[in-house]
């Protein structure tokens, strides 16, 4: 969901705001609230309910009330996905003839779109899907968010934030806000990100991925040790490594053209990936992802020594010698599809 994607002119009688990204759900609720309510009369015309703390008939009764000295009321029911199907029947009945002066918003992390009243919402209201963008679109999401702030961000800084945080938009937005404050009125650059994410971590992450891509085991181990000693979580480091090799895999399958545009990365990183992928064999890249799956399980399962687990992985990735270099545009067997992320 991008800002401006919610149909609000005029406000719909009902919205379903759902999806795994809490940040996007919160921002969608705020955007709907701003469009529906008169700020000076909001206290009189807004009701918020939590599933499990109120009954559905109470929500329906609130939705049927008339606004006070305003055009519309706003009624929000959160965590609607936790309510059993039978208990939702009053909502389904209400939506057959909703109040013309009320906007009802149902919010949830996950809902079954096959059961009532959710199919009705598509017909008379709007469904707001709050999913994080795919990883190759995260830098663009960051750029767009910064533009909405009336600011500018250096492409390299946007790329690092995307790689460092992954698709955790709440973390990404928090880091971006800190970097924006540090940068003052200027461009949010790599220095601002480096200082706010953690002294030296920005460059150390780049050192780790560069050393792995260039097959320099000593440098890779040194960068890994620096990150771990600085308190970086092993699972976050693992996620950064996996994302880098996912980009290498996609670069190996690119069919000419603008590699930066194809991968959704900054030109400097596309150039670097094009050089690094030549050092890896096709079978190696495929095998790497099978290794990643096992390391991920080990780390989440409470490996006795996460440091040793990551050290072994880094050595495996950087020391192996390529047997068969991938050909640009060649069809590959095994490994993750360049168009989607692996299941882990």
Protein backbone atom coordinates (compact mmCIF):
# COMPACT_ATOMS: atom_id res chain seq x y z
CA UNK A 1 0.00 0.00 0.00
CA UNK A 2 1.36 3.41 -0.94
CA UNK A 3 0.18 6.75 0.35
CA UNK A 4 -2.80 7.91 -1.70
CA UNK A 5 -3.86 4.38 -2.66
CA UNK A 6 -6.88 4.36 -0.30
CA UNK A 7 -10.07 5.58 -2.00
CA UNK A 8 -11.29 8.40 0.25
CA UNK A 9 -13.14 10.81 -2.00
CA UNK A 10 -15.83 10.20 -1.01
CA UNK A 11 -15.22 8.04 2.08
CA UNK A 12 -16.55 4.50 1.73
CA UNK A 13 -19.11 3.09 4.20
CA UNK A 14 -16.69 0.30 5.15
CA UNK A 15 -12.97 -0.46 4.87
CA UNK A 16 -11.04 -3.63 5.61
CA UNK A 17 -7.45 -2.82 6.58
CA UNK A 18 -5.48 -6.06 6.82
CA UNK A 19 -2.03 -7.50 6.27
CA UNK A 20 1.17 -8.44 8.10
CA UNK A 21 2.69 -4.94 8.25
CA UNK A 22 1.57 -3.16 11.42
CA UNK A 23 3.15 0.12 10.31
CA UNK A 24 1.06 0.19 7.13
CA UNK A 25 -2.11 -0.73 9.02
CA UNK A 26 -1.55 2.08 11.53
CA UNK A 27 -0.86 4.59 8.76
CA UNK A 28 -3.95 3.46 6.83
CA UNK A 29 -6.13 3.96 9.92
CA UNK A 30 -4.66 7.43 10.41
CA UNK A 31 -5.23 8.35 6.76
CA UNK A 32 -8.87 7.20 6.85
CA UNK A 33 -9.46 8.98 10.17
CA UNK A 34 -8.05 12.23 8.82
CA UNK A 35 -10.26 12.04 5.74
CA UNK A 36 -13.47 11.15 7.60
CA UNK A 37 -13.46 13.17 10.81
CA UNK A 38 -13.79 16.85 11.50
CA UNK A 39 -10.76 17.45 13.80
CA UNK A 40 -12.69 19.73 16.10
CA UNK A 41 -15.49 17.19 16.59
CA UNK A 42 -13.53 13.94 16.51
CA UNK A 43 -14.11 13.21 20.20
CA UNK A 44 -17.86 13.14 19.60
CA UNK A 45 -17.84 11.10 16.40
CA UNK A 46 -15.24 8.36 16.78
CA UNK A 47 -15.53 4.99 18.50
CA UNK A 48 -12.72 2.43 18.68
CA UNK A 49 -13.26 -1.19 19.72
CA UNK A 50 -10.98 -4.20 20.26
CA UNK A 51 -12.07 -7.74 19.39
CA UNK A 52 -12.53 -9.72 22.60
CA UNK A 53 -13.23 -6.60 24.65
CA UNK A 54 -16.59 -5.76 23.11
CA UNK A 55 -19.43 -7.53 21.33
CA UNK A 56 -20.18 -7.22 17.62
CA UNK A 57 -23.72 -5.91 18.31
CA UNK A 58 -22.13 -3.03 20.28
CA UNK A 59 -20.00 -2.17 17.25
CA UNK A 60 -23.05 -2.28 14.97
CA UNK A 61 -24.99 -0.05 17.38
CA UNK A 62 -22.17 2.51 17.33
CA UNK A 63 -22.13 2.42 13.52
CA UNK A 64 -25.87 3.13 13.41
CA UNK A 65 -25.62 6.26 15.54
CA UNK A 66 -25.92 9.65 13.86
CA UNK A 67 -22.94 12.01 13.82
CA UNK A 68 -22.95 15.01 16.15
CA UNK A 69 -22.65 18.36 14.34
CA UNK A 70 -20.62 16.69 11.57
CA UNK A 71 -21.13 14.87 8.28
CA UNK A 72 -19.72 11.49 9.30
CA UNK A 73 -18.88 9.19 12.17
CA UNK A 74 -15.92 6.81 12.31
CA UNK A 75 -16.13 3.38 13.96
CA UNK A 76 -13.02 1.18 14.13
CA UNK A 77 -12.96 -2.49 15.14
CA UNK A 78 -9.45 -3.87 15.58
CA UNK A 79 -8.31 -7.51 15.42
CA UNK A 80 -11.52 -8.51 13.63
CA UNK A 81 -9.75 -11.64 12.36
CA UNK A 82 -9.89 -13.09 15.88
CA UNK A 83 -13.70 -13.06 15.96
CA UNK A 84 -15.42 -16.36 15.16
CA UNK A 85 -17.57 -16.61 12.05
CA UNK A 86 -20.90 -16.95 13.88
CA UNK A 87 -20.21 -13.85 15.95
CA UNK A 88 -19.64 -11.80 12.78
CA UNK A 89 -23.18 -12.31 11.47
CA UNK A 90 -24.47 -8.98 12.85
CA UNK A 91 -21.74 -7.20 10.85
CA UNK A 92 -22.75 -9.01 7.67
CA UNK A 93 -26.36 -7.99 8.26
CA UNK A 94 -25.35 -4.38 8.91
CA UNK A 95 -23.41 -4.21 5.63
CA UNK A 96 -26.51 -5.09 3.62
CA UNK A 97 -27.73 -1.57 4.47
CA UNK A 98 -24.90 0.41 6.12
CA UNK A 99 -25.44 3.83 7.62
CA UNK A 100 -24.76 6.53 4.99
CA UNK A 101 -23.21 8.79 7.62
CA UNK A 102 -20.77 6.27 9.17
CA UNK A 103 -17.44 4.91 8.00
CA UNK A 104 -16.77 1.51 9.57
CA UNK A 105 -13.17 0.26 9.54
CA UNK A 106 -12.32 -3.38 10.27
CA UNK A 107 -8.65 -3.99 11.03
CA UNK A 108 -6.71 -7.25 11.33
CA UNK A 109 -3.35 -8.83 10.69
CA UNK A 110 -5.03 -11.73 8.90
CA UNK A 111 -8.57 -12.57 7.83
CA UNK A 112 -10.24 -15.33 5.83
CA UNK A 113 -11.55 -13.44 2.82
CA UNK A 114 -13.93 -16.30 2.01
CA UNK A 115 -16.18 -15.80 5.05
CA UNK A 116 -18.77 -13.10 5.67
CA UNK A 117 -18.68 -10.17 5.96
CA UNK A 118 -15.40 -9.77 4.07
CA UNK A 119 -16.62 -10.56 0.52
CA UNK A 120 -19.27 -7.85 0.95
CA UNK A 121 -16.62 -5.24 1.68
CA UNK A 122 -15.13 -5.59 -1.80
CA UNK A 123 -18.52 -4.69 -3.30
CA UNK A 124 -19.55 -1.70 -1.19
CA UNK A 125 -16.31 -0.48 0.37
CA UNK A 126 -12.57 -0.92 -0.01
CA UNK A 127 -9.96 -3.48 1.00
CA UNK A 128 -6.57 -2.05 1.99
CA UNK A 129 -3.86 -4.72 1.71
CA UNK A 130 -0.96 -3.89 4.04
CA UNK A 131 1.92 -6.01 2.79
CA UNK A 132 5.55 -4.96 2.70
CA UNK A 133 6.96 -4.36 -0.79
CA UNK A 134 9.21 -7.01 -2.31
CA UNK A 135 12.84 -6.60 -1.28
CA UNK A 136 13.97 -5.29 -4.66
CA UNK A 137 11.38 -2.51 -4.30
CA UNK A 138 12.36 -1.46 -0.79
CA UNK A 139 14.82 1.25 -1.93
CA UNK A 140 12.02 2.75 -4.04
CA UNK A 141 9.66 2.58 -1.05
CA UNK A 142 12.25 4.45 1.02
CA UNK A 143 12.75 7.07 -1.70
CA UNK A 144 8.98 7.61 -1.95
CA UNK A 145 8.60 7.89 1.82
CA UNK A 146 11.41 10.44 2.00
CA UNK A 147 9.81 12.47 -0.81
CA UNK A 148 6.55 12.50 1.17
CA UNK A 149 8.58 13.96 4.04
CA UNK A 150 9.70 16.75 1.72
CA UNK A 151 13.29 15.44 1.87
CA UNK A 152 15.86 13.72 -0.33
CA UNK A 153 17.96 10.61 0.33
CA UNK A 154 21.12 9.43 -1.37
CA UNK A 155 20.49 6.21 -3.40
CA UNK A 156 23.35 4.48 -1.61
CA UNK A 157 21.86 5.32 1.79
CA UNK A 158 18.45 4.03 0.68
CA UNK A 159 20.04 0.83 -0.60
CA UNK A 160 21.87 0.25 2.66
CA UNK A 161 18.77 0.79 4.79
CA UNK A 162 16.87 -1.68 2.61
CA UNK A 163 19.64 -4.27 2.97
CA UNK A 164 20.16 -3.66 6.68
CA UNK A 165 16.56 -3.76 7.87
CA UNK A 166 14.96 -5.99 5.24
CA UNK A 167 11.19 -5.82 4.84
CA UNK A 168 10.54 -4.87 8.47
CA UNK A 169 8.91 -1.54 7.69
CA UNK A 170 8.50 -0.48 11.31
CA UNK A 171 12.24 -0.83 11.91
CA UNK A 172 13.03 0.76 8.56
CA UNK A 173 10.81 3.78 9.23
CA UNK A 174 12.35 4.26 12.68
CA UNK A 175 15.90 4.13 11.30
CA UNK A 176 14.92 6.49 8.50
CA UNK A 177 13.45 8.99 10.94
CA UNK A 178 16.65 8.97 13.01
CA UNK A 179 18.77 9.50 9.90
CA UNK A 180 16.53 12.37 8.76
CA UNK A 181 16.92 14.13 12.12
CA UNK A 182 20.70 13.68 11.99
CA UNK A 183 20.89 15.07 8.45
CA UNK A 184 19.03 18.23 9.44
CA UNK A 185 17.77 20.02 6.35
CA UNK A 186 20.27 18.35 4.05
CA UNK A 187 20.21 15.19 1.97
CA UNK A 188 20.02 11.98 4.00
CA UNK A 189 23.35 10.43 3.04
CA UNK A 190 25.38 7.39 3.99
CA UNK A 191 27.07 9.33 6.80
CA UNK A 192 23.70 10.12 8.41
CA UNK A 193 22.66 6.48 8.17
CA UNK A 194 26.02 5.27 9.49
CA UNK A 195 25.90 7.54 12.53
CA UNK A 196 22.32 6.66 13.47
CA UNK A 197 22.25 2.93 12.72
CA UNK A 198 25.43 2.49 14.73
CA UNK A 199 28.95 3.75 14.40
CA UNK A 200 30.76 1.77 11.75
CA UNK A 201 27.98 -0.78 11.15
CA UNK A 202 27.06 0.58 7.73
CA UNK A 203 30.57 0.21 6.38
CA UNK A 204 31.11 -3.10 8.15
CA UNK A 205 28.01 -4.61 6.52
CA UNK A 206 29.28 -3.48 3.13
CA UNK A 207 32.70 -4.90 4.00
CA UNK A 208 31.12 -8.26 4.83
CA UNK A 209 29.06 -8.54 1.64
CA UNK A 210 31.93 -7.22 -0.49
CA UNK A 211 34.36 -9.72 1.02
CA UNK A 212 31.94 -12.59 0.46
CA UNK A 213 31.19 -11.55 -3.11
CA UNK A 214 34.91 -11.06 -3.84
CA UNK A 215 35.76 -14.37 -2.14
CA UNK A 216 38.10 -12.95 0.51
CA UNK A 217 37.63 -15.22 3.54
CA UNK A 218 39.94 -13.37 5.97
CA UNK A 219 38.24 -10.03 5.32
CA UNK A 220 34.79 -11.64 5.55
CA UNK A 221 35.58 -13.24 8.91
CA UNK A 222 36.97 -9.94 10.24
CA UNK A 223 33.83 -8.03 9.21
CA UNK A 224 31.61 -10.76 10.69
CA UNK A 225 33.51 -10.63 13.99
CA UNK A 226 33.21 -6.83 14.12
CA UNK A 227 29.44 -6.99 13.64
CA UNK A 228 28.97 -9.69 16.27
CA UNK A 229 31.22 -7.91 18.77
CA UNK A 230 29.17 -4.73 18.22
CA UNK A 231 26.06 -6.63 19.30
CA UNK A 232 24.49 -7.29 15.91
CA UNK A 233 21.98 -10.14 16.11
CA UNK A 234 23.13 -13.34 14.32
CA UNK A 235 19.76 -13.69 12.56
CA UNK A 236 20.02 -10.15 11.19
CA UNK A 237 23.52 -10.85 9.88
CA UNK A 238 22.23 -14.05 8.31
CA UNK A 239 19.38 -12.13 6.65
CA UNK A 240 21.87 -9.64 5.19
CA UNK A 241 24.01 -12.47 3.79
CA UNK A 242 21.01 -14.24 2.27
CA UNK A 243 19.73 -11.04 0.65
CA UNK A 244 23.12 -10.41 -0.92
CA UNK A 245 23.29 -13.90 -2.42
CA UNK A 246 19.69 -13.60 -3.60
CA UNK A 247 20.77 -10.50 -5.55
CA UNK A 248 23.77 -12.41 -6.91
CA UNK A 249 21.42 -15.15 -8.08
CA UNK A 250 19.18 -12.62 -9.81
CA UNK A 251 22.20 -10.92 -11.38
CA UNK A 252 23.38 -14.25 -12.79
CA UNK A 253 20.03 -14.70 -14.53
CA UNK A 254 19.69 -11.14 -15.86
CA UNK A 255 19.36 -10.92 -19.62
CA UNK A 256 21.31 -7.81 -20.43
CA UNK A 257 19.78 -4.35 -20.32
CA UNK A 258 19.89 -2.10 -17.28
CA UNK A 259 20.93 -4.41 -14.43
CA UNK A 260 20.24 -1.73 -11.80
CA UNK A 261 16.65 -1.37 -13.02
CA UNK A 262 16.20 -5.14 -13.30
CA UNK A 263 17.38 -5.75 -9.73
CA UNK A 264 15.84 -2.60 -8.27
CA UNK A 265 19.18 -1.46 -6.80
CA UNK A 266 21.45 1.55 -7.09
CA UNK A 267 23.80 1.56 -10.13
CA UNK A 268 26.92 1.29 -7.96
CA UNK A 269 25.59 -1.90 -6.38
CA UNK A 270 24.50 -3.36 -9.74
CA UNK A 271 28.03 -2.86 -11.07
CA UNK A 272 29.48 -4.54 -8.00
CA UNK A 273 27.09 -7.52 -8.26
CA UNK A 274 27.89 -8.00 -11.95
CA UNK A 275 31.58 -8.32 -11.07
CA UNK A 276 31.01 -10.56 -8.03
CA UNK A 277 28.73 -13.07 -9.73
CA UNK A 278 31.50 -13.97 -12.18
CA UNK A 279 33.41 -15.46 -9.25
CA UNK A 280 30.67 -17.98 -8.49
CA UNK A 281 29.66 -21.14 -10.27
CA UNK A 282 26.05 -21.82 -11.09
CA UNK A 283 25.96 -24.93 -8.90
CA UNK A 284 27.62 -23.05 -6.04
CA UNK A 285 24.92 -20.41 -5.92
CA UNK A 286 22.22 -23.07 -5.91
CA UNK A 287 23.99 -25.01 -3.14
CA UNK A 288 24.38 -21.84 -1.10
CA UNK A 289 20.64 -21.49 -0.67
CA UNK A 290 20.32 -25.04 0.61
CA UNK A 291 23.02 -24.15 3.13
CA UNK A 292 21.18 -20.96 4.08
CA UNK A 293 18.05 -22.94 4.90
CA UNK A 294 19.98 -25.16 7.31
CA UNK A 295 21.81 -22.26 8.96
CA UNK A 296 18.50 -20.44 9.41
CA UNK A 297 17.06 -23.49 11.16
CA UNK A 298 20.16 -23.83 13.35
CA UNK A 299 20.07 -20.18 14.44
CA UNK A 300 16.34 -20.17 15.16
CA UNK A 301 16.64 -23.50 16.95
CA UNK A 302 19.16 -22.14 19.42
CA UNK A 303 22.50 -23.20 17.97
CA UNK A 304 25.06 -23.78 20.75
CA UNK A 305 27.40 -21.27 19.10
CA UNK A 306 25.76 -18.84 16.64
CA UNK A 307 29.17 -17.25 16.06
CA UNK A 308 30.70 -20.56 15.00
CA UNK A 309 27.69 -21.32 12.81
CA UNK A 310 28.08 -18.03 10.96
CA UNK A 311 31.87 -18.36 10.75
CA UNK A 312 31.52 -21.79 9.13
CA UNK A 313 29.01 -20.39 6.67
CA UNK A 314 31.19 -17.40 5.77
CA UNK A 315 34.18 -19.67 5.18
CA UNK A 316 32.10 -22.01 3.04
CA UNK A 317 30.83 -19.15 0.91
CA UNK A 318 34.12 -17.33 0.44
CA UNK A 319 36.60 -20.22 0.11
CA UNK A 320 34.96 -22.44 -2.48
CA UNK A 321 36.33 -22.28 -5.99
CA UNK A 322 33.95 -21.90 -8.93
CA UNK A 323 33.62 -24.91 -11.18
CA UNK A 324 31.23 -23.53 -13.80
CA UNK A 325 30.59 -19.84 -14.15
CA UNK A 326 26.97 -18.82 -14.63
CA UNK A 327 26.19 -17.39 -18.04
CA UNK A 328 24.11 -14.23 -18.15
CA UNK A 329 20.61 -15.22 -19.21
CA UNK A 330 21.30 -18.95 -18.83
CA UNK A 331 18.51 -21.20 -17.61
CA UNK A 332 19.25 -22.53 -14.15
CA UNK A 333 18.14 -25.64 -12.35
CA UNK A 334 17.50 -25.51 -8.61
CA UNK A 335 17.97 -22.52 -6.35
CA UNK A 336 15.41 -19.79 -5.76
CA UNK A 337 13.46 -18.32 -8.61
CA UNK A 338 14.90 -14.90 -9.51
CA UNK A 339 11.36 -13.53 -9.41
CA UNK A 340 10.58 -14.45 -5.83
CA UNK A 341 12.20 -14.97 -2.48
CA UNK A 342 13.03 -18.43 -1.11
CA UNK A 343 10.53 -19.80 1.38
CA UNK A 344 12.86 -19.16 4.27
